[in-house]
Amino acid sequence: MAIERTLSIIKPDATKRNLTGKINAKFEDAGLRIIAQKRIQLTKDQAGKFYAVHAARPFYDELCEFMASGPVVVQVLEGEGAIGKNREVMGATNPADAAAGTIRAEFAESVGENSVHGSDAPETAAEEIAFYFSDLELVG
C-alpha cells in the first residue's frame, strides 16, 4: 500500500470539550503520523469556501456556521493508505452507525457535530491540504 497524506479537521464540538489529544492518540495508534497541525478559528466565509462542494445541499449554511463557531485543529496525517485508514478511525458520519472504538462512536454529539472531518480521496486530500497548509509546513 502506498504512503498517502490526508487532511483531518478536529471540529469545534471536539475542541470545545478538549478532545484534541485523545483524537490524535487514535490517529497515532492506527499508525498515522501527524506531519502538520495548527489550531485556527475559521470565519463563516472561509468555512463556506472550504465546503463549497456542499453549497447546494440543505445543511450547507448550518455546517458553515458550526465550523466557524469555535476553534478547529487542522492537520495532515501521513501513512500507508492514510485516506482509508483515517476514515476507518473516524467512523461513520452518523455516530449511531459508527463502529465501537471509532472517534465518532466515542466523541460525536450528533450527525452535524461529529467531531472530525477527513478527506475522501487522493484528489480531495491534495486540494484540502493546500487550502490550509503551505509546502513549508508539511514536515514529514
Protein backbone atom coordinates (compact mmCIF):
# COMPACT_ATOMS: atom_id res chain seq x y z
CA MET A 1 0.00 0.00 0.00
CA ALA A 2 1.23 3.49 -0.84
CA ILE A 3 2.19 6.21 1.61
CA GLU A 4 -0.53 8.86 1.43
CA ARG A 5 -1.37 12.17 3.04
CA THR A 6 -4.83 13.25 4.09
CA LEU A 7 -6.39 16.26 5.75
CA SER A 8 -8.03 15.88 9.12
CA ILE A 9 -10.02 18.52 10.97
CA ILE A 10 -10.90 18.27 14.63
CA LYS A 11 -14.15 20.22 14.69
CA PRO A 12 -15.42 22.84 17.18
CA ASP A 13 -17.53 20.39 19.19
CA ALA A 14 -14.40 18.35 19.96
CA THR A 15 -12.01 21.25 20.59
CA LYS A 16 -14.58 22.79 22.95
CA ARG A 17 -14.50 19.58 25.01
CA ASN A 18 -10.67 19.44 24.96
CA LEU A 19 -10.55 16.16 22.98
CA THR A 20 -7.67 17.02 20.64
CA GLY A 21 -5.14 14.81 22.44
CA LYS A 22 -7.50 11.83 22.67
CA ILE A 23 -8.36 12.11 18.98
CA ASN A 24 -4.70 12.50 17.99
CA ALA A 25 -3.86 9.39 20.03
CA LYS A 26 -6.40 7.40 17.99
CA PHE A 27 -4.74 8.52 14.74
CA GLU A 28 -1.28 7.70 16.03
CA ASP A 29 -2.38 4.34 17.47
CA ALA A 30 -3.67 3.46 13.99
CA GLY A 31 -0.20 4.10 12.53
CA LEU A 32 -0.81 7.59 11.14
CA ARG A 33 1.77 10.33 11.65
CA ILE A 34 0.74 13.94 12.22
CA ILE A 35 3.11 15.84 9.92
CA ALA A 36 1.45 19.27 10.19
CA GLN A 37 -1.00 20.69 12.68
CA LYS A 38 -2.41 24.05 13.75
CA ARG A 39 -5.33 25.41 15.74
CA ILE A 40 -7.27 28.09 13.88
CA GLN A 41 -10.55 29.97 14.01
CA LEU A 42 -12.38 29.89 10.67
CA THR A 43 -14.68 32.67 9.56
CA LYS A 44 -18.02 31.68 8.06
CA ASP A 45 -16.69 32.80 4.67
CA GLN A 46 -13.60 30.59 4.98
CA ALA A 47 -15.73 27.63 6.03
CA GLY A 48 -18.00 28.32 3.05
CA LYS A 49 -15.06 28.24 0.64
CA PHE A 50 -13.75 25.01 2.14
CA TYR A 51 -17.16 23.31 1.98
CA ALA A 52 -18.18 24.87 -1.36
CA VAL A 53 -18.80 21.41 -2.81
CA HIS A 54 -21.84 21.23 -0.49
CA ALA A 55 -23.21 24.71 -1.33
CA ALA A 56 -26.42 23.37 -2.87
CA ARG A 57 -27.17 20.98 -0.01
CA PRO A 58 -29.69 21.91 2.68
CA PHE A 59 -27.17 21.60 5.53
CA TYR A 60 -24.55 23.93 3.98
CA ASP A 61 -25.33 27.12 5.93
CA GLU A 62 -25.64 25.24 9.21
CA LEU A 63 -22.31 23.48 8.51
CA CYS A 64 -20.53 26.77 7.81
CA GLU A 65 -21.98 28.36 10.96
CA PHE A 66 -20.89 25.37 13.02
CA MET A 67 -17.35 25.26 11.59
CA ALA A 68 -16.95 28.98 12.41
CA SER A 69 -18.43 28.61 15.91
CA GLY A 70 -15.13 27.84 17.64
CA PRO A 71 -11.54 26.81 17.07
CA VAL A 72 -10.68 23.82 14.89
CA VAL A 73 -7.45 21.83 14.62
CA VAL A 74 -6.41 21.24 11.03
CA GLN A 75 -3.77 18.63 10.43
CA VAL A 76 -2.12 16.48 7.81
CA LEU A 77 -1.90 12.78 8.51
CA GLU A 78 0.58 10.55 6.68
CA GLY A 79 0.91 6.79 6.43
CA GLU A 80 0.19 3.71 4.37
CA GLY A 81 -3.31 4.05 2.96
CA ALA A 82 -3.79 7.15 5.14
CA ILE A 83 -7.05 8.24 3.49
CA GLY A 84 -8.86 4.96 4.09
CA LYS A 85 -7.25 4.41 7.48
CA ASN A 86 -8.30 7.88 8.64
CA ARG A 87 -11.87 7.28 7.51
CA GLU A 88 -11.89 3.95 9.33
CA VAL A 89 -10.62 5.57 12.56
CA MET A 90 -13.19 8.38 12.24
CA GLY A 91 -16.16 6.02 11.83
CA ALA A 92 -19.47 6.59 10.06
CA THR A 93 -20.75 10.18 9.75
CA ASN A 94 -23.77 9.27 11.85
CA PRO A 95 -22.37 8.34 15.26
CA ALA A 96 -25.24 5.88 15.75
CA ASP A 97 -23.83 3.91 12.80
CA ALA A 98 -20.17 4.26 13.77
CA ALA A 99 -18.27 1.17 14.89
CA ALA A 100 -17.28 0.89 18.52
CA GLY A 101 -13.92 2.45 19.27
CA THR A 102 -14.06 4.96 16.41
CA ILE A 103 -13.79 8.69 17.04
CA ARG A 104 -17.39 9.38 16.12
CA ALA A 105 -18.76 6.49 18.18
CA GLU A 106 -16.88 7.77 21.23
CA PHE A 107 -16.98 11.55 20.84
CA ALA A 108 -19.56 12.78 18.29
CA GLU A 109 -22.57 14.59 19.69
CA SER A 110 -24.74 14.27 16.56
CA VAL A 111 -24.58 13.81 12.79
CA GLY A 112 -23.79 17.52 12.43
CA GLU A 113 -21.45 17.79 15.41
CA ASN A 114 -19.46 14.68 14.62
CA SER A 115 -16.04 15.81 15.93
CA VAL A 116 -13.88 15.21 12.83
CA HIS A 117 -13.55 15.70 9.09
CA GLY A 118 -11.35 13.67 6.77
CA SER A 119 -10.59 13.75 3.06
CA ASP A 120 -12.37 11.12 0.97
CA ALA A 121 -9.99 10.64 -2.00
CA PRO A 122 -6.42 11.45 -3.07
CA GLU A 123 -7.54 14.40 -5.22
CA THR A 124 -9.68 15.81 -2.45
CA ALA A 125 -6.87 15.33 0.07
CA ALA A 126 -4.44 17.30 -2.11
CA GLU A 127 -6.92 20.17 -2.52
CA GLU A 128 -7.88 20.23 1.15
CA ILE A 129 -4.28 20.11 2.38
CA ALA A 130 -3.37 23.01 0.05
CA PHE A 131 -6.33 25.02 1.42
CA TYR A 132 -4.81 25.07 4.92
CA PHE A 133 -1.07 24.39 4.55
CA SER A 134 1.89 25.57 2.51
CA ASP A 135 4.55 23.09 1.42
CA LEU A 136 6.88 24.58 4.08
CA GLU A 137 4.50 23.45 6.80
CA LEU A 138 4.46 19.78 5.74
CA VAL A 139 7.33 18.32 7.70
CA GLY A 140 7.01 14.55 7.36
